[in-house]
């Protein structure tokens, strides 16, 4: 009884939707025949060419109808904003299509200053025929030259008028540039201590915790791989700079540049001890406090304990 009522209701639903009688069978038969034809046609196309050529042509035609956005039809502010996200290589490629837009001086000026934050030529009146696109190429060439031979690279910048022959200007250029090879830079600074002095003074360690300040210092001026006179020079210069940036803290803690020097060496040794896989018996917090206070007696135990915690949680200071 229940099944009979269900069939009656289902037949009425099919009639309302147009699926009743011979018409439904005819349409269903037509669908099956069309599906078989499409399947056979697709099979023949794949067998002949390995791909559905009709589908590819249809897709290509639809893309051609849609087209690409023409930046020249947009407001200039929006066009320049879009192009400002490109690097130098992509911007050169874009200039093949949108020559006036992609060669705009503001775009190339932004690329120059985002990669080389300071150059002496930025603060001078531009010479005749100057362009930031040409300057970008010269800066890139000079950086590659520096990474091969630091002295030749600096001489190249000076010969092009990009840098003045001044330790302070060279130090500012190094401080604001991230394209220089750190190994070559370490060799150059070891030979040019006058540039190193000015480079250290560019760091501002005010209100920074000592290990964090030391990490920032060694991110700009990489530490040598072995102990020696150069490492001692770096730590000495850092200690004096850190004290100069935090005079109130030094008076509060009773620290001097010599005490900060001892702490920096202790932090470097602790970093090696805690991070090296070759050291099996790691230094404990109690041992670090005892050894450090033995070398610098005026340092509080709590302060030294915070130093240990920082290295233990964050990691090496000169990695």
Foldseek 3Di string as FASTA:
>chain_A
DVVVVVVVVVQVVCVVVVCDDPVVVVVVVVVVVVVVVVVVVQVVCCVVPVDDVVVVVVVVVVDVVVDDDDLVVDPLVVSLVVLLPDALVVLVVVCVPVVVNSQDQVSLVVNCCQAQVDWPVVPDDDDPPDGSNVVVVQLVVLQVVCQVPVVVSVVSCVVVVRHDPDLLRVLSRLQRHDSHDLVSVLVVCVVVVSNVLNNLLVDACAPHQLLVSLLVLCVSRADDPDDDDVNLVSLLSNLVNNCVNYVPVCVVLVHDSVLSSLVVVLQQVLLCQQPPPVNDDHDDLVNSLVVSCVVPVSGDSVSSSVSNVCCNPPGHSRD
